Amino acid sequence: MTADPGDERLVVAGVEVARYLVRPDLDPRHGPRPYLHPVRTRAGTPVTDALPADHLWHLGASLTVPDVAGANFWGGRTYVRGTGYTWRDDHGVIAHTGWRERAADRLDHDLDWRDADGRTLLREHRRLTAAPAGDDAWWLDLSATFTSATGADVHLGSPATNGRPGGAGYGGFFWRAVAGPEPRVCTVDAVGEEEVNGSAAPWLALSGTAPGGAAYTLVFSGLGPGDRWFVRTAMYPGVCVAYAFDRPAVVAADRPRRNRHRVLVVDGHLDRAEVAERMAAAA
């Protein structure tokens, strides 16, 4: 096992496109976990935000769930059925436990999902890769395999599954986009936050403008069985592959849960037809 500096980089064609904070020094209430920030386009435009004033526990691009067997790995207040959002001492930590591989274009490591008492609920094997996708774009690929560490099924939930109305089924692979004018969001057959939130389209595109005026497009894919898109554009810019959007999910005691998420990071604004063309070419 090699030494862990706590801060890694992903590089495409000699250019750093993402920084990966493996062991961030965070308030326990912010859901300490590894996260990618800043993520940039190939031209250098930042496309993630971290620790924003409106939600301090939004950390760039990360894997996190607000209810894992009752433990809050998302950060912030916990949604309690019949009560609403409440501050509780239930925040877990997603802890890096060892590297399998580190290179300029890939990072492969193991993690433990530990509750507030330090008990490991889940073990995860995570692999991140970065690859070029033409002169104006690159692919981020994140795969994660979860196994139960308790000897029993481990249930995953969200504020929605705990009683919150309004499609608040967040929790999974979450991307907090950079602040700027309200971005546009679409899928192959829907446009706008209201229509896209909760859908199960094969891809979702978010087009925005970063501070300074540079345009970008993020194209997400990789919904697993039962997953849904959670999207916010008006309140804040964010996209989540939601594991428990409207019903609890489970990591079975005897069967790993595997997820793979891909994001095409593009310089400039792509319209829906252009996104569809690129995704068809990638397929």
Protein backbone atom coordinates (compact mmCIF):
# COMPACT_ATOMS: atom_id res chain seq x y z
CA MET A 1 0.00 0.00 0.00
CA THR A 2 1.52 3.34 -1.03
CA ALA A 3 1.60 6.53 1.00
CA ASP A 4 -1.47 8.73 0.93
CA PRO A 5 -0.88 12.45 0.38
CA GLY A 6 -4.62 13.13 0.66
CA ASP A 7 -4.87 15.14 -2.55
CA GLU A 8 -4.78 13.57 -6.03
CA ARG A 9 -5.15 14.86 -9.57
CA LEU A 10 -6.64 13.54 -12.81
CA VAL A 11 -4.89 14.61 -16.00
CA VAL A 12 -5.98 14.52 -19.65
CA ALA A 13 -3.37 15.16 -22.38
CA GLY A 14 -1.03 16.75 -19.85
CA VAL A 15 -3.65 19.09 -18.38
CA GLU A 16 -5.11 18.75 -14.88
CA VAL A 17 -8.88 18.42 -15.22
CA ALA A 18 -9.84 17.43 -11.68
CA ARG A 19 -8.50 17.38 -8.16
CA TYR A 20 -9.57 14.58 -5.82
CA LEU A 21 -9.55 15.37 -2.11
CA VAL A 22 -9.22 11.98 -0.48
CA ARG A 23 -9.19 12.93 3.21
CA PRO A 24 -10.65 16.44 3.49
CA ASP A 25 -10.53 18.14 6.87
CA LEU A 26 -14.23 18.88 7.34
CA ASP A 27 -16.71 19.54 10.12
CA PRO A 28 -18.43 16.20 10.89
CA ARG A 29 -21.78 17.87 10.11
CA HIS A 30 -20.67 18.31 6.49
CA GLY A 31 -20.47 14.59 5.81
CA PRO A 32 -16.69 14.10 5.45
CA ARG A 33 -15.94 12.10 2.30
CA PRO A 34 -13.63 12.10 -0.71
CA TYR A 35 -14.75 14.48 -3.44
CA LEU A 36 -13.69 15.96 -6.77
CA HIS A 37 -13.12 19.73 -6.79
CA PRO A 38 -12.34 21.66 -8.78
CA VAL A 39 -13.36 19.79 -11.90
CA ARG A 40 -12.50 21.74 -15.05
CA THR A 41 -13.10 21.59 -18.77
CA ARG A 42 -10.13 21.03 -21.04
CA ALA A 43 -9.96 24.82 -21.53
CA GLY A 44 -9.78 25.31 -17.76
CA THR A 45 -13.34 26.38 -16.94
CA PRO A 46 -14.37 25.27 -13.43
CA VAL A 47 -17.61 23.25 -13.40
CA THR A 48 -17.94 22.27 -9.72
CA ASP A 49 -18.61 24.16 -6.50
CA ALA A 50 -17.76 23.10 -2.95
CA LEU A 51 -18.83 24.31 0.49
CA PRO A 52 -21.25 26.88 -0.99
CA ALA A 53 -22.93 29.20 1.52
CA ASP A 54 -26.40 27.82 0.77
CA HIS A 55 -25.42 24.18 1.42
CA LEU A 56 -21.99 23.86 3.02
CA TRP A 57 -22.12 20.06 2.72
CA HIS A 58 -22.31 20.13 -1.08
CA LEU A 59 -18.81 19.01 -2.04
CA GLY A 60 -18.03 19.20 -5.74
CA ALA A 61 -18.71 15.78 -7.23
CA SER A 62 -19.02 12.96 -4.71
CA LEU A 63 -20.75 9.73 -3.78
CA THR A 64 -22.92 10.19 -0.69
CA VAL A 65 -26.31 9.14 0.69
CA PRO A 66 -28.38 10.93 3.38
CA ASP A 67 -29.71 7.73 4.97
CA VAL A 68 -27.63 4.57 5.18
CA ALA A 69 -29.18 2.35 7.84
CA GLY A 70 -30.11 5.54 9.70
CA ALA A 71 -26.72 7.26 9.35
CA ASN A 72 -26.41 10.58 7.49
CA PHE A 73 -23.48 10.61 5.05
CA TRP A 74 -24.83 13.58 3.07
CA GLY A 75 -24.25 16.21 5.74
CA GLY A 76 -26.52 18.92 7.08
CA ARG A 77 -29.78 18.25 8.83
CA THR A 78 -31.57 14.90 8.69
CA TYR A 79 -35.13 14.70 7.42
CA VAL A 80 -37.27 13.03 10.10
CA ARG A 81 -40.74 11.79 9.19
CA GLY A 82 -43.39 13.89 10.90
CA THR A 83 -40.86 16.46 12.12
CA GLY A 84 -38.92 17.75 9.12
CA TYR A 85 -35.25 18.65 8.92
CA THR A 86 -33.53 18.27 12.29
CA TRP A 87 -29.95 18.56 13.47
CA ARG A 88 -28.88 15.18 14.82
CA ASP A 89 -25.59 13.59 15.87
CA ASP A 90 -25.92 10.98 13.14
CA HIS A 91 -23.27 12.03 10.64
CA GLY A 92 -21.08 9.34 9.18
CA VAL A 93 -17.68 9.45 7.51
CA ILE A 94 -16.67 7.87 4.20
CA ALA A 95 -13.04 6.99 4.90
CA HIS A 96 -10.31 6.08 2.42
CA THR A 97 -8.67 2.85 3.58
CA GLY A 98 -6.12 2.06 0.86
CA TRP A 99 -5.00 2.51 -2.71
CA ARG A 100 -5.13 -0.16 -5.38
CA GLU A 101 -3.77 2.02 -8.18
CA ARG A 102 -2.80 5.63 -8.79
CA ALA A 103 -1.89 7.13 -12.14
CA ALA A 104 -2.38 10.42 -13.98
CA ASP A 105 -5.58 9.24 -15.62
CA ARG A 106 -6.96 6.82 -12.99
CA LEU A 107 -7.43 6.42 -9.27
CA ASP A 108 -8.53 3.15 -7.69
CA HIS A 109 -9.10 2.74 -3.95
CA ASP A 110 -11.09 1.22 -1.09
CA LEU A 111 -13.34 3.02 1.39
CA ASP A 112 -15.34 2.34 4.53
CA TRP A 113 -18.70 4.00 5.22
CA ARG A 114 -18.65 4.44 9.03
CA ASP A 115 -21.53 5.68 11.15
CA ALA A 116 -21.24 8.21 13.99
CA ASP A 117 -20.13 5.45 16.36
CA GLY A 118 -17.36 4.33 14.01
CA ARG A 119 -19.12 1.14 12.92
CA THR A 120 -18.54 0.23 9.27
CA LEU A 121 -21.84 -0.18 7.44
CA LEU A 122 -20.57 -0.47 3.87
CA ARG A 123 -17.31 -1.23 2.16
CA GLU A 124 -16.71 0.32 -1.25
CA HIS A 125 -14.27 -0.22 -4.08
CA ARG A 126 -14.12 2.93 -6.23
CA ARG A 127 -12.37 3.58 -9.54
CA LEU A 128 -12.14 6.96 -11.29
CA THR A 129 -10.72 7.47 -14.77
CA ALA A 130 -10.28 10.45 -17.08
CA ALA A 131 -10.08 10.12 -20.86
CA PRO A 132 -10.13 12.58 -23.79
CA ALA A 133 -13.29 12.96 -25.87
CA GLY A 134 -12.14 15.21 -28.68
CA ASP A 135 -10.36 18.54 -28.39
CA ASP A 136 -13.18 20.19 -26.44
CA ALA A 137 -14.24 17.48 -23.99
CA TRP A 138 -13.24 14.65 -21.67
CA TRP A 139 -14.92 11.75 -19.92
CA LEU A 140 -15.00 11.23 -16.19
CA ASP A 141 -15.85 7.62 -15.38
CA LEU A 142 -16.61 6.59 -11.80
CA SER A 143 -17.42 3.01 -10.86
CA ALA A 144 -18.30 1.89 -7.34
CA THR A 145 -18.97 -1.52 -5.86
CA PHE A 146 -20.67 -1.58 -2.45
CA THR A 147 -20.79 -4.55 -0.11
CA SER A 148 -22.50 -4.87 3.25
CA ALA A 149 -20.11 -4.83 6.20
CA THR A 150 -22.76 -5.74 8.76
CA GLY A 151 -23.69 -9.26 7.71
CA ALA A 152 -27.22 -8.02 6.95
CA ASP A 153 -28.98 -6.00 4.25
CA VAL A 154 -28.08 -2.30 4.41
CA HIS A 155 -30.93 0.00 3.40
CA LEU A 156 -30.42 3.31 1.57
CA GLY A 157 -32.93 6.13 1.87
CA SER A 158 -33.54 9.77 1.08
CA PRO A 159 -35.65 12.63 2.45
CA ALA A 160 -38.34 11.54 -0.02
CA THR A 161 -38.43 7.96 1.27
CA ASN A 162 -38.54 9.41 4.81
CA GLY A 163 -41.62 11.48 4.05
CA ARG A 164 -40.49 14.75 2.46
CA PRO A 165 -42.71 15.81 -0.47
CA GLY A 166 -41.62 17.63 -3.61
CA GLY A 167 -39.35 15.10 -5.30
CA ALA A 168 -36.46 15.46 -2.81
CA GLY A 169 -35.11 11.99 -3.51
CA TYR A 170 -31.45 12.96 -3.52
CA GLY A 171 -28.54 10.75 -2.53
CA GLY A 172 -26.04 8.85 -4.68
CA PHE A 173 -23.57 10.34 -7.17
CA PHE A 174 -24.08 14.08 -6.69
CA TRP A 175 -22.57 16.94 -8.69
CA ARG A 176 -22.84 20.49 -7.36
CA ALA A 177 -22.21 22.66 -10.40
CA VAL A 178 -20.42 25.99 -10.39
CA ALA A 179 -22.50 29.06 -9.49
CA GLY A 180 -23.68 31.29 -12.33
CA PRO A 181 -26.83 32.14 -14.28
CA GLU A 182 -29.50 29.45 -14.01
CA PRO A 183 -28.39 26.57 -16.23
CA ARG A 184 -30.47 24.72 -18.80
CA VAL A 185 -31.24 21.07 -18.23
CA CYS A 186 -32.65 18.49 -20.62
CA THR A 187 -32.86 14.81 -21.40
CA VAL A 188 -33.62 13.10 -24.69
CA ASP A 189 -37.35 13.73 -24.18
CA ALA A 190 -37.75 16.46 -21.52
CA VAL A 191 -36.64 20.03 -20.80
CA GLY A 192 -36.46 21.91 -17.51
CA GLU A 193 -36.11 21.01 -13.84
CA GLU A 194 -39.76 20.14 -13.28
CA GLU A 195 -39.91 17.70 -16.18
CA VAL A 196 -36.48 16.15 -15.70
CA ASN A 197 -36.51 15.64 -11.92
CA GLY A 198 -37.43 12.03 -11.15
CA SER A 199 -37.03 10.82 -14.72
CA ALA A 200 -35.10 7.75 -15.83
CA ALA A 201 -33.75 8.99 -19.17
CA PRO A 202 -30.51 7.40 -20.42
CA TRP A 203 -28.67 10.73 -20.22
CA LEU A 204 -29.10 14.21 -18.77
CA ALA A 205 -27.39 17.40 -19.96
CA LEU A 206 -26.77 20.52 -17.87
CA SER A 207 -25.52 23.59 -19.76
CA GLY A 208 -24.33 26.58 -17.78
CA THR A 209 -22.08 29.62 -17.66
CA ALA A 210 -19.26 29.89 -15.16
CA PRO A 211 -18.17 33.13 -13.51
CA GLY A 212 -16.22 35.05 -16.12
CA GLY A 213 -18.59 34.03 -18.89
CA ALA A 214 -17.19 30.69 -20.09
CA ALA A 215 -19.84 28.23 -21.24
CA TYR A 216 -19.86 24.55 -20.38
CA THR A 217 -22.03 21.45 -20.75
CA LEU A 218 -22.10 18.39 -18.49
CA VAL A 219 -23.68 15.21 -19.84
CA PHE A 220 -24.45 12.57 -17.21
CA SER A 221 -25.20 8.90 -17.80
CA GLY A 222 -25.20 5.75 -15.73
CA LEU A 223 -28.53 5.23 -14.02
CA GLY A 224 -28.72 1.76 -12.50
CA PRO A 225 -31.90 -0.28 -12.01
CA GLY A 226 -34.30 1.78 -9.90
CA ASP A 227 -32.16 4.94 -10.05
CA ARG A 228 -33.65 8.30 -11.03
CA TRP A 229 -32.36 11.76 -11.86
CA PHE A 230 -32.56 14.35 -9.09
CA VAL A 231 -32.09 17.85 -10.50
CA ARG A 232 -32.05 21.41 -9.20
CA THR A 233 -31.48 24.48 -11.36
CA ALA A 234 -33.51 27.31 -9.76
CA MET A 235 -32.48 26.90 -6.09
CA TYR A 236 -28.93 25.84 -6.98
CA PRO A 237 -27.28 23.98 -9.89
CA GLY A 238 -27.00 20.30 -9.08
CA VAL A 239 -27.50 16.84 -10.58
CA CYS A 240 -27.68 13.54 -8.74
CA VAL A 241 -27.96 9.92 -9.79
CA ALA A 242 -30.42 9.17 -7.00
CA TYR A 243 -30.32 5.65 -5.60
CA ALA A 244 -33.50 6.00 -3.49
CA PHE A 245 -35.53 8.66 -5.29
CA ASP A 246 -38.99 7.42 -4.33
CA ARG A 247 -38.38 4.07 -2.64
CA PRO A 248 -35.57 2.71 -0.45
CA ALA A 249 -32.72 0.85 -2.10
CA VAL A 250 -30.69 -1.94 -0.56
CA VAL A 251 -27.17 -3.33 -0.51
CA ALA A 252 -27.96 -6.98 0.08
CA ALA A 253 -26.05 -8.99 2.66
CA ASP A 254 -24.97 -11.54 0.07
CA ARG A 255 -24.76 -9.50 -3.13
CA PRO A 256 -22.68 -6.43 -4.04
CA ARG A 257 -24.33 -3.33 -5.50
CA ARG A 258 -22.49 -2.03 -8.55
CA ASN A 259 -22.82 1.46 -10.03
CA ARG A 260 -21.07 3.15 -12.92
CA HIS A 261 -21.46 6.85 -13.65
CA ARG A 262 -20.05 8.75 -16.62
CA VAL A 263 -19.88 12.50 -17.17
CA LEU A 264 -18.91 14.16 -20.43
CA VAL A 265 -17.33 17.53 -19.55
CA VAL A 266 -17.55 19.86 -22.55
CA ASP A 267 -16.39 23.38 -23.35
CA GLY A 268 -19.31 25.44 -24.68
CA HIS A 269 -23.06 25.01 -24.79
CA LEU A 270 -24.46 21.95 -26.56
CA ASP A 271 -28.10 21.82 -27.61
CA ARG A 272 -30.15 18.65 -27.20
CA ALA A 273 -29.46 17.41 -30.72
CA GLU A 274 -25.72 17.89 -30.29
CA VAL A 275 -25.76 16.02 -27.00
CA ALA A 276 -27.74 13.15 -28.54
CA GLU A 277 -25.25 12.96 -31.41
CA ARG A 278 -22.26 12.76 -29.05
CA MET A 279 -23.87 10.18 -26.83
CA ALA A 280 -24.79 8.05 -29.81
CA ALA A 281 -21.20 8.25 -31.04
CA ALA A 282 -19.90 7.28 -27.59
CA ALA A 283 -22.24 4.29 -27.43
